[in-house]
Protein backbone atom coordinates (compact mmCIF):
# COMPACT_ATOMS: atom_id res chain seq x y z
CA MET A 1 -14.77 -24.56 20.93
CA LEU A 2 -15.29 -28.27 20.28
CA ASP A 3 -16.56 -27.85 16.73
CA PRO A 4 -14.75 -29.93 14.12
CA VAL A 5 -12.53 -28.21 11.57
CA HIS A 6 -13.12 -29.17 7.97
CA MET A 7 -10.04 -28.59 5.85
CA GLY A 8 -7.55 -30.51 3.78
CA LYS A 9 -4.08 -31.34 5.03
CA ARG A 10 -2.45 -29.02 2.50
CA GLU A 11 -4.47 -26.03 3.70
CA LEU A 12 -3.75 -26.95 7.30
CA LEU A 13 0.01 -27.04 6.70
CA GLU A 14 0.31 -24.10 4.31
CA VAL A 15 -2.07 -21.67 6.03
CA ASP A 16 -3.04 -22.44 9.61
CA LEU A 17 0.11 -24.14 10.86
CA LEU A 18 2.59 -21.91 9.04
CA PRO A 19 2.64 -19.15 11.73
CA PHE A 20 3.21 -21.79 14.40
CA LYS A 21 6.07 -23.26 12.41
CA LYS A 22 7.67 -19.82 12.17
CA ALA A 23 7.19 -19.34 15.91
CA VAL A 24 8.96 -22.63 16.60
CA GLU A 25 11.80 -21.63 14.27
CA ALA A 26 12.07 -18.33 16.17
CA GLY A 27 12.50 -20.17 19.48
CA ALA A 28 9.03 -20.61 20.97
CA ALA A 29 9.37 -22.60 24.17
CA SER A 30 5.76 -23.69 24.68
CA ILE A 31 2.90 -24.71 22.40
CA MET A 32 -0.82 -25.00 23.23
CA PRO A 33 -3.05 -27.25 21.09
CA ALA A 34 -6.52 -25.97 20.21
CA TYR A 35 -9.73 -27.31 21.73
CA ASN A 36 -11.20 -28.37 18.40
CA GLU A 37 -10.80 -31.56 16.44
CA ILE A 38 -9.38 -32.06 12.94
CA ASP A 39 -10.67 -34.99 10.88
CA GLY A 40 -12.42 -36.27 13.98
CA ILE A 41 -9.31 -36.25 16.21
CA PRO A 42 -9.11 -33.67 19.04
CA CYS A 43 -5.89 -31.66 18.86
CA THR A 44 -5.24 -32.61 22.47
CA THR A 45 -4.74 -36.25 21.41
CA ASN A 46 -3.55 -35.79 17.84
CA ARG A 47 -0.24 -37.65 17.57
CA GLU A 48 0.30 -36.51 14.00
CA LEU A 49 0.18 -32.86 15.09
CA LEU A 50 2.01 -33.19 18.40
CA GLN A 51 4.59 -35.82 17.52
CA ASP A 52 5.08 -36.20 13.76
CA ILE A 53 4.75 -32.55 12.71
CA LEU A 54 5.64 -30.53 15.82
CA ARG A 55 8.56 -32.56 17.19
CA LYS A 56 9.87 -34.68 14.32
CA GLU A 57 9.41 -32.38 11.32
CA TRP A 58 9.80 -28.99 13.06
CA GLY A 59 12.27 -30.11 15.71
CA PHE A 60 10.36 -28.58 18.62
CA GLU A 61 11.99 -29.42 21.94
CA GLY A 62 9.87 -27.35 24.30
CA MET A 63 6.77 -28.02 26.38
CA VAL A 64 3.22 -28.70 25.18
CA ILE A 65 0.47 -27.48 27.51
CA THR A 66 -3.28 -27.88 27.12
CA ASP A 67 -5.84 -25.11 27.14
CA CYS A 68 -8.09 -24.87 30.20
CA GLY A 69 -10.17 -28.01 30.72
CA ALA A 70 -9.19 -29.52 27.36
CA ILE A 71 -8.54 -33.00 28.78
CA ASN A 72 -11.91 -33.08 30.55
CA MET A 73 -13.55 -32.34 27.19
CA LEU A 74 -12.24 -35.57 25.70
CA ALA A 75 -14.69 -37.51 27.87
CA ALA A 76 -17.38 -34.84 28.21
CA GLY A 77 -17.57 -33.12 24.85
CA HIS A 78 -15.59 -34.82 22.12
CA ASP A 79 -16.64 -38.24 23.49
CA THR A 80 -13.37 -39.80 22.36
CA ALA A 81 -12.49 -41.09 25.84
CA GLU A 82 -14.44 -43.42 28.12
CA ASP A 83 -13.70 -41.49 31.30
CA GLY A 84 -11.25 -39.13 32.98
CA MET A 85 -8.47 -41.69 33.28
CA ASP A 86 -8.78 -42.69 29.63
CA ALA A 87 -8.69 -39.01 28.64
CA ALA A 88 -5.56 -38.34 30.71
CA ILE A 89 -3.79 -41.40 29.26
CA GLN A 90 -4.67 -40.44 25.69
CA ALA A 91 -3.45 -36.86 26.16
CA ILE A 92 -0.08 -37.57 27.76
CA SER A 93 0.56 -40.46 25.36
CA ALA A 94 -0.10 -38.17 22.38
CA GLY A 95 2.45 -35.61 23.57
CA ILE A 96 0.81 -33.34 26.16
CA ASP A 97 3.35 -32.45 28.86
CA MET A 98 1.31 -30.26 31.20
CA GLU A 99 -2.35 -29.68 31.95
CA MET A 100 -3.48 -26.09 32.38
CA SER A 101 -6.15 -25.36 34.99
CA GLY A 102 -7.36 -28.91 35.30
CA GLU A 103 -7.11 -31.91 37.60
CA MET A 104 -7.11 -34.85 35.20
CA PHE A 105 -3.35 -35.50 35.23
CA GLY A 106 -3.05 -35.16 39.00
CA LYS A 107 -6.10 -37.26 39.61
CA HIS A 108 -5.50 -40.15 37.22
CA LEU A 109 -1.91 -40.58 35.97
CA ILE A 110 -0.38 -42.23 39.05
CA GLU A 111 -3.27 -44.65 39.30
CA ALA A 112 -2.99 -45.38 35.56
CA VAL A 113 0.64 -46.43 36.07
CA ARG A 114 -0.29 -48.57 39.06
CA GLN A 115 -2.95 -50.35 37.02
CA GLY A 116 -0.49 -50.95 34.18
CA LYS A 117 -2.44 -48.77 31.75
CA LEU A 118 0.37 -46.23 31.27
CA ASP A 119 4.13 -46.61 30.91
CA GLU A 120 5.91 -44.59 33.60
CA ALA A 121 8.52 -43.55 31.00
CA ILE A 122 5.87 -41.46 29.25
CA ILE A 123 5.34 -39.46 32.44
CA ASP A 124 9.11 -39.11 32.90
CA THR A 125 9.41 -37.58 29.42
CA ALA A 126 6.69 -35.03 30.14
CA VAL A 127 8.13 -34.15 33.55
CA LEU A 128 11.59 -33.71 32.04
CA ARG A 129 10.30 -31.18 29.51
CA VAL A 130 8.49 -29.19 32.18
CA LEU A 131 11.48 -29.12 34.52
CA GLU A 132 13.88 -28.27 31.71
CA LEU A 133 11.82 -25.22 30.78
CA LYS A 134 11.64 -24.11 34.43
CA PHE A 135 15.42 -24.34 34.72
CA LYS A 136 15.89 -22.36 31.51
CA LEU A 137 13.58 -19.66 32.87
CA GLY A 138 15.52 -19.56 36.13
CA LEU A 139 12.43 -20.32 38.20
CA PHE A 140 14.35 -22.47 40.68
CA ASP A 141 16.93 -19.73 41.25
CA ALA A 142 14.52 -16.79 41.38
CA PRO A 143 10.94 -18.06 41.70
CA TYR A 144 9.45 -14.66 42.55
CA ALA A 145 9.44 -11.30 40.81
CA ASP A 146 11.34 -8.41 42.34
CA PRO A 147 8.58 -6.19 43.77
CA GLU A 148 10.74 -3.05 43.65
CA ARG A 149 11.57 -3.57 39.99
CA ALA A 150 7.93 -4.37 39.23
CA ALA A 151 6.84 -1.13 40.88
CA SER A 152 9.34 0.88 38.84
CA VAL A 153 8.51 -0.78 35.52
CA ILE A 154 4.74 -1.30 35.56
CA GLY A 155 2.99 1.92 34.64
CA SER A 156 6.26 3.73 33.98
CA GLU A 157 6.21 6.88 31.88
CA GLU A 158 8.09 5.08 29.12
CA HIS A 159 5.44 2.38 28.94
CA ILE A 160 2.61 4.92 29.03
CA MET A 161 4.06 6.73 26.04
CA LEU A 162 4.58 3.42 24.24
CA ALA A 163 0.94 2.48 24.87
CA ARG A 164 -0.12 5.82 23.41
CA LYS A 165 2.02 5.37 20.31
CA LEU A 166 0.74 1.84 19.76
CA ALA A 167 -2.83 3.09 19.96
CA GLU A 168 -2.13 5.96 17.58
CA GLU A 169 -0.62 3.63 14.99
CA GLY A 170 -3.37 1.01 15.35
CA ILE A 171 -6.36 3.32 14.83
CA ILE A 172 -7.77 3.27 11.29
CA LEU A 173 -9.57 6.10 9.53
CA LEU A 174 -12.31 4.36 7.53
CA LYS A 175 -14.21 7.40 6.28
CA ASN A 176 -13.62 11.15 6.15
CA GLU A 177 -16.29 12.81 4.06
CA ASP A 178 -15.59 16.39 2.96
CA GLN A 179 -12.55 16.50 5.26
CA THR A 180 -14.65 16.46 8.42
CA LEU A 181 -11.47 15.50 10.24
CA PRO A 182 -9.25 16.80 11.67
CA LEU A 183 -11.32 19.00 13.94
CA SER A 184 -10.21 22.48 14.80
CA LYS A 185 -9.65 23.17 18.48
CA LYS A 186 -11.74 26.29 17.89
CA SER A 187 -14.62 24.42 16.26
CA GLY A 188 -17.25 25.15 18.88
CA ARG A 189 -18.97 22.77 21.24
CA ILE A 190 -18.44 19.03 20.98
CA ALA A 191 -20.91 16.43 22.26
CA VAL A 192 -19.30 13.12 23.15
CA ILE A 193 -22.05 10.52 23.17
CA GLY A 194 -22.20 6.75 23.44
CA PRO A 195 -21.77 3.81 25.83
CA ASN A 196 -18.02 3.57 25.17
CA ALA A 197 -17.28 7.27 25.54
CA ASP A 198 -16.26 7.14 29.18
CA ILE A 199 -15.84 3.53 30.33
CA GLY A 200 -12.14 2.82 30.27
CA TYR A 201 -12.46 -0.89 31.00
CA ASN A 202 -14.18 -1.35 27.63
CA GLN A 203 -10.96 -0.22 25.91
CA LEU A 204 -8.82 -3.01 27.34
CA GLY A 205 -10.05 -6.23 25.74
CA ASP A 206 -10.79 -9.72 27.01
CA TYR A 207 -9.24 -11.16 30.17
CA THR A 208 -7.89 -7.81 31.34
CA SER A 209 -8.25 -7.31 35.05
CA PRO A 210 -10.54 -4.44 36.13
CA GLN A 211 -8.65 -1.15 36.39
CA PRO A 212 -9.20 2.01 38.43
CA PRO A 213 -10.61 4.80 36.22
CA ALA A 214 -7.40 6.80 36.66
CA ASN A 215 -5.42 4.06 34.87
CA VAL A 216 -7.27 4.43 31.57
CA THR A 217 -7.87 7.58 29.51
CA THR A 218 -11.25 7.41 27.81
CA VAL A 219 -12.30 9.20 24.63
CA LEU A 220 -14.14 11.78 26.73
CA GLY A 221 -11.02 12.30 28.83
CA GLY A 222 -8.83 12.59 25.76
CA ILE A 223 -11.04 15.23 24.15
CA ARG A 224 -11.29 17.19 27.39
CA SER A 225 -7.49 17.15 27.67
CA LYS A 226 -7.33 19.01 24.34
CA LEU A 227 -9.70 21.73 25.54
CA THR A 228 -8.66 22.22 29.15
CA ASP A 229 -9.07 26.00 28.95
CA GLU A 230 -12.72 25.68 27.90
CA PRO A 231 -14.20 22.58 29.58
CA GLU A 232 -17.73 23.84 29.02
CA ARG A 233 -17.27 23.18 25.30
CA VAL A 234 -17.35 19.41 25.86
CA LEU A 235 -20.75 17.87 26.59
CA TYR A 236 -21.21 14.21 27.49
CA ALA A 237 -24.01 11.67 27.56
CA PRO A 238 -23.80 7.85 27.40
CA GLY A 239 -27.17 7.58 25.66
CA CYS A 240 -27.54 3.84 26.17
CA ARG A 241 -25.74 0.72 27.28
CA ILE A 242 -24.03 -1.61 24.83
CA LYS A 243 -26.44 -4.55 24.98
CA ASP A 244 -29.44 -3.17 26.86
CA GLU A 245 -32.60 -2.25 24.93
CA SER A 246 -33.40 0.71 27.19
CA ARG A 247 -33.79 4.13 25.56
CA GLU A 248 -34.02 6.04 28.84
CA GLY A 249 -30.81 7.93 28.05
CA PHE A 250 -31.86 9.09 24.59
CA ASP A 251 -33.47 12.35 25.67
CA TYR A 252 -30.42 13.56 27.59
CA ALA A 253 -28.10 12.51 24.77
CA LEU A 254 -30.19 14.36 22.19
CA GLU A 255 -30.26 17.47 24.36
CA CYS A 256 -26.46 17.45 24.53
CA ALA A 257 -26.25 16.92 20.77
CA ARG A 258 -28.58 19.87 20.11
CA GLN A 259 -26.25 22.20 22.00
CA ALA A 260 -23.18 21.01 20.11
CA ASP A 261 -21.62 21.96 16.80
CA THR A 262 -20.08 18.50 16.30
CA VAL A 263 -21.10 15.11 17.68
CA VAL A 264 -18.61 12.33 18.43
CA MET A 265 -20.42 9.00 18.80
CA VAL A 266 -18.35 6.40 20.68
CA VAL A 267 -19.98 3.01 20.21
CA GLY A 268 -19.00 -0.60 19.69
CA GLY A 269 -18.65 -3.56 22.00
CA SER A 270 -17.11 -4.72 25.23
CA SER A 271 -15.08 -7.63 26.51
CA ALA A 272 -15.31 -6.44 30.12
CA ARG A 273 -15.88 -9.42 32.40
CA ASP A 274 -16.75 -7.54 35.60
CA PHE A 275 -20.30 -7.53 36.93
CA GLY A 276 -21.97 -4.73 38.83
CA GLU A 277 -18.87 -2.85 40.02
CA GLY A 278 -20.20 0.39 38.64
CA THR A 279 -22.11 1.88 35.77
CA ILE A 280 -23.16 5.16 34.19
CA ASP A 281 -26.37 7.06 34.90
CA LEU A 282 -27.96 7.21 31.45
CA LYS A 283 -29.96 10.31 32.35
CA THR A 284 -27.03 12.42 33.52
CA GLY A 285 -23.87 10.67 32.34
CA ALA A 286 -22.56 10.53 35.92
CA SER A 287 -20.70 7.53 37.30
CA LYS A 288 -22.48 5.63 40.03
CA VAL A 289 -21.95 2.52 42.13
CA THR A 290 -24.53 -0.19 41.63
CA ASP A 291 -25.25 -3.79 42.50
CA ARG A 292 -26.60 -4.40 39.01
CA SER A 293 -25.70 -7.96 38.04
CA SER A 294 -25.80 -7.48 34.28
CA SER A 295 -22.87 -7.21 31.91
CA ASP A 296 -22.29 -5.36 28.64
CA MET A 297 -19.86 -8.00 27.42
CA ASP A 298 -20.69 -8.91 23.82
CA CYS A 299 -17.27 -10.02 22.61
CA GLY A 300 -14.54 -12.33 23.85
CA GLU A 301 -13.91 -15.99 24.53
CA GLY A 302 -17.16 -17.90 24.69
CA ILE A 303 -19.15 -14.95 23.31
CA ASP A 304 -20.33 -15.83 19.80
CA ARG A 305 -22.77 -13.71 17.81
CA MET A 306 -24.94 -14.33 14.76
CA SER A 307 -24.46 -10.79 13.50
CA LEU A 308 -21.76 -8.16 12.95
CA LYS A 309 -24.14 -5.33 13.81
CA LEU A 310 -23.94 -3.13 16.89
CA SER A 311 -25.58 -4.64 19.95
CA GLY A 312 -28.59 -3.15 21.68
CA VAL A 313 -30.00 0.20 20.54
CA GLN A 314 -26.70 1.86 19.63
CA LEU A 315 -27.56 2.20 15.94
CA GLU A 316 -30.92 3.71 16.82
CA LEU A 317 -29.19 6.25 19.07
CA ILE A 318 -26.87 7.30 16.24
CA GLN A 319 -29.81 7.60 13.85
CA GLU A 320 -31.70 9.85 16.27
CA VAL A 321 -28.67 12.09 16.73
CA TYR A 322 -28.11 12.22 12.96
CA LYS A 323 -31.61 13.67 12.49
CA LEU A 324 -30.42 16.86 14.24
CA GLY A 325 -28.31 17.71 11.20
CA LYS A 326 -24.99 18.01 13.03
CA PRO A 327 -21.69 16.54 11.73
CA VAL A 328 -21.47 13.03 13.18
CA ILE A 329 -18.13 11.30 13.78
CA VAL A 330 -18.40 7.62 14.73
CA ILE A 331 -15.67 5.94 16.75
CA TYR A 332 -15.76 2.17 17.08
CA ILE A 333 -14.24 0.60 20.20
CA ASN A 334 -14.68 -3.12 19.70
CA GLY A 335 -13.12 -6.56 19.51
CA ARG A 336 -14.74 -7.77 16.30
CA PRO A 337 -15.41 -6.04 12.96
CA ILE A 338 -18.67 -4.12 12.70
CA ALA A 339 -20.84 -4.12 9.58
CA GLU A 340 -23.41 -1.31 9.76
CA PRO A 341 -24.26 -0.08 6.24
CA TRP A 342 -26.40 2.79 7.54
CA ILE A 343 -23.51 4.24 9.53
CA GLU A 344 -21.10 3.78 6.66
CA ASP A 345 -23.48 5.64 4.36
CA HIS A 346 -24.46 8.48 6.71
CA ALA A 347 -21.64 9.21 9.17
CA ASN A 348 -19.35 12.09 8.20
CA ALA A 349 -16.28 10.28 9.51
CA ILE A 350 -15.54 6.84 11.01
CA LEU A 351 -12.58 5.76 13.12
CA GLU A 352 -11.94 2.10 13.92
CA ALA A 353 -10.03 2.04 17.21
CA TRP A 354 -10.46 -1.64 18.17
CA TYR A 355 -9.47 -1.99 21.86
CA PRO A 356 -6.99 0.91 22.03
CA GLY A 357 -5.75 0.29 25.58
CA GLN A 358 -5.01 2.55 28.51
CA GLU A 359 -3.96 5.52 26.39
CA GLY A 360 -6.65 5.03 23.78
CA GLY A 361 -8.53 8.20 24.67
CA HIS A 362 -5.44 10.36 24.18
CA ALA A 363 -4.58 8.60 20.92
CA ILE A 364 -8.09 9.06 19.52
CA ALA A 365 -8.12 12.73 20.53
CA ASP A 366 -4.71 13.23 18.91
CA ILE A 367 -6.14 11.92 15.64
CA LEU A 368 -9.45 13.79 15.92
CA PHE A 369 -7.66 17.13 16.30
CA GLY A 370 -4.90 16.44 13.80
CA ASP A 371 -1.99 16.23 16.23
CA VAL A 372 -1.39 12.75 14.80
CA ASN A 373 -1.95 11.74 11.19
CA PRO A 374 -3.91 8.45 11.04
CA SER A 375 -1.73 5.72 9.60
CA GLY A 376 -3.36 2.44 10.65
CA LYS A 377 -4.27 -0.15 8.02
CA LEU A 378 -6.77 -3.00 8.29
CA THR A 379 -5.28 -6.41 9.00
CA ILE A 380 -8.60 -7.99 8.01
CA SER A 381 -11.29 -7.29 5.44
CA ILE A 382 -14.60 -5.94 6.75
CA PRO A 383 -17.68 -7.16 4.84
CA LYS A 384 -20.77 -5.20 3.93
CA HIS A 385 -22.89 -7.95 5.48
CA VAL A 386 -22.27 -11.05 7.54
CA GLY A 387 -23.59 -13.11 4.62
CA GLN A 388 -20.46 -12.23 2.63
CA LEU A 389 -18.16 -14.13 4.95
CA PRO A 390 -15.50 -15.28 4.42
CA VAL A 391 -13.81 -12.21 2.92
CA TYR A 392 -10.19 -12.84 3.91
CA TYR A 393 -7.59 -11.26 1.67
CA ASN A 394 -6.07 -14.46 0.23
CA GLY A 395 -9.30 -16.39 -0.24
CA LYS A 396 -9.78 -18.14 -3.57
CA ARG A 397 -12.98 -16.60 -4.89
CA SER A 398 -14.93 -17.17 -8.07
CA ARG A 399 -14.04 -14.46 -10.54
CA GLY A 400 -16.75 -12.34 -12.13
CA LYS A 401 -19.43 -13.55 -9.72
CA ARG A 402 -21.65 -11.49 -7.40
CA TYR A 403 -24.51 -11.89 -4.99
CA LEU A 404 -28.06 -11.23 -6.11
CA GLU A 405 -28.20 -8.16 -3.82
CA ASP A 406 -24.69 -6.75 -4.23
CA ASP A 407 -21.18 -7.46 -5.45
CA SER A 408 -18.80 -9.71 -3.53
CA GLN A 409 -16.29 -7.04 -2.59
CA PRO A 410 -15.82 -6.20 1.11
CA ARG A 411 -16.78 -2.80 2.44
CA TYR A 412 -13.20 -2.19 3.54
CA PRO A 413 -10.52 -4.52 2.13
CA PHE A 414 -7.39 -5.83 3.80
CA GLY A 415 -4.81 -3.05 4.03
CA TYR A 416 -7.39 -0.24 3.84
CA GLY A 417 -6.86 2.95 5.82
CA LEU A 418 -7.20 6.64 5.03
CA SER A 419 -4.94 9.50 5.98
CA TYR A 420 -5.11 13.30 6.24
CA THR A 421 -2.65 13.54 3.40
CA LYS A 422 -1.78 11.77 0.16
CA PHE A 423 1.18 9.56 -0.64
CA SER A 424 2.67 8.33 -3.87
CA TYR A 425 5.38 5.77 -4.53
CA SER A 426 7.52 5.78 -7.64
CA ASN A 427 10.82 4.49 -9.04
CA LEU A 428 10.86 1.51 -6.67
CA THR A 429 13.80 -0.84 -7.02
CA VAL A 430 14.83 -4.09 -5.35
CA GLN A 431 18.58 -4.71 -5.26
CA LEU A 432 18.78 -7.97 -3.32
CA GLN A 433 17.04 -11.22 -4.19
CA THR A 434 17.24 -12.33 -0.55
CA ILE A 435 17.84 -10.51 2.71
CA SER A 436 19.08 -11.90 6.02
CA ALA A 437 17.64 -11.11 9.42
CA GLU A 438 20.73 -9.02 10.24
CA GLU A 439 20.43 -7.00 7.03
CA GLN A 440 16.75 -6.41 7.70
CA GLN A 441 17.56 -5.10 11.18
CA ARG A 442 20.24 -2.74 9.90
CA SER A 443 17.84 -1.47 7.23
CA ALA A 444 15.16 -0.76 9.84
CA LEU A 445 17.63 1.28 11.92
CA LYS A 446 18.63 3.59 9.08
């Protein structure tokens, strides 16, 4: 988090800051500086960013709030402040209006004014911005949410269907060899195997509060919902955990795969931050309560990895199942891109679902059985190997060059995504040189 960023000012303004500028132009009311430093100056105390660019050039009039503990890090991390008081003075003087989840402002600012180290007018400016935003939000008139309205809105049928549609449109078909997909609902027995096959919390992403199982439809649940008249056709085994090296579930998983005509492997990662609330019996696939204090979290804030490969023994599990000679469909549920050349070369079909949310299981099943045509496209490029990074779509690469081992092209480029059908575009014309926001909206409604 504290690592310095090495880039020129032009790249900073044209690439990294451009989305923030557009957000300010669109009416963003609050901005949060990053933890890191640029040219040796932490963003939390960078006057050029917070004053010259944000307020003077962009005209931002809202509130600037730190990330959690960012002011503390000035004295214990960046080492650009002597102590907590110095850190607090530097931050508020640079343009920070509010501290998030910290105590540095409350602990030091009043005393800094008393000692003559800080002009009280600087605090007044910050307080004014905070209060102004609270008034605009109506927090002094209605400080609490309406519980009856919350109960009618949260989890409403309309939102459930929206969550399903979002998941359907976000899932990407990466591979479909010999038209393995869509599956027929009469295609025999299906084995659903993998650590992400029936743990709904793993579909929700980082910083999501733990949810009751009934609130999230897993891939296993979605597939079963398609075959409700013949539940015996769906077999299930977790096979392994995400990070654990144990192979104790392999035998049961392989037995399920042997009985099946098609195997759906649901693997990937997890950003689940709960510990020991429950787990899956690897030998039977049954849910069980446990006091196990381990976590399968391998992605999320503060979770860096040296590799883009699957954690634990997941790849080995897929390889053992593949040896049975059954069609293997791999579904990734994950928060970071996965580079597994063996899977890409051997799996019959691959779906990238990312964290598909509460209706992810239904959305994946809809695509597996052809009730929904996959339409998602990659918003990033996925490399063949971590050593290829960076592979972003607009990177300035050397032309005609390659690595000793392979070419420099990503495995799946930005915008990639297969479908169950084919499309062609022809006779395209552009009538207007420019288009206003209102014209764009009317066009989208037609």
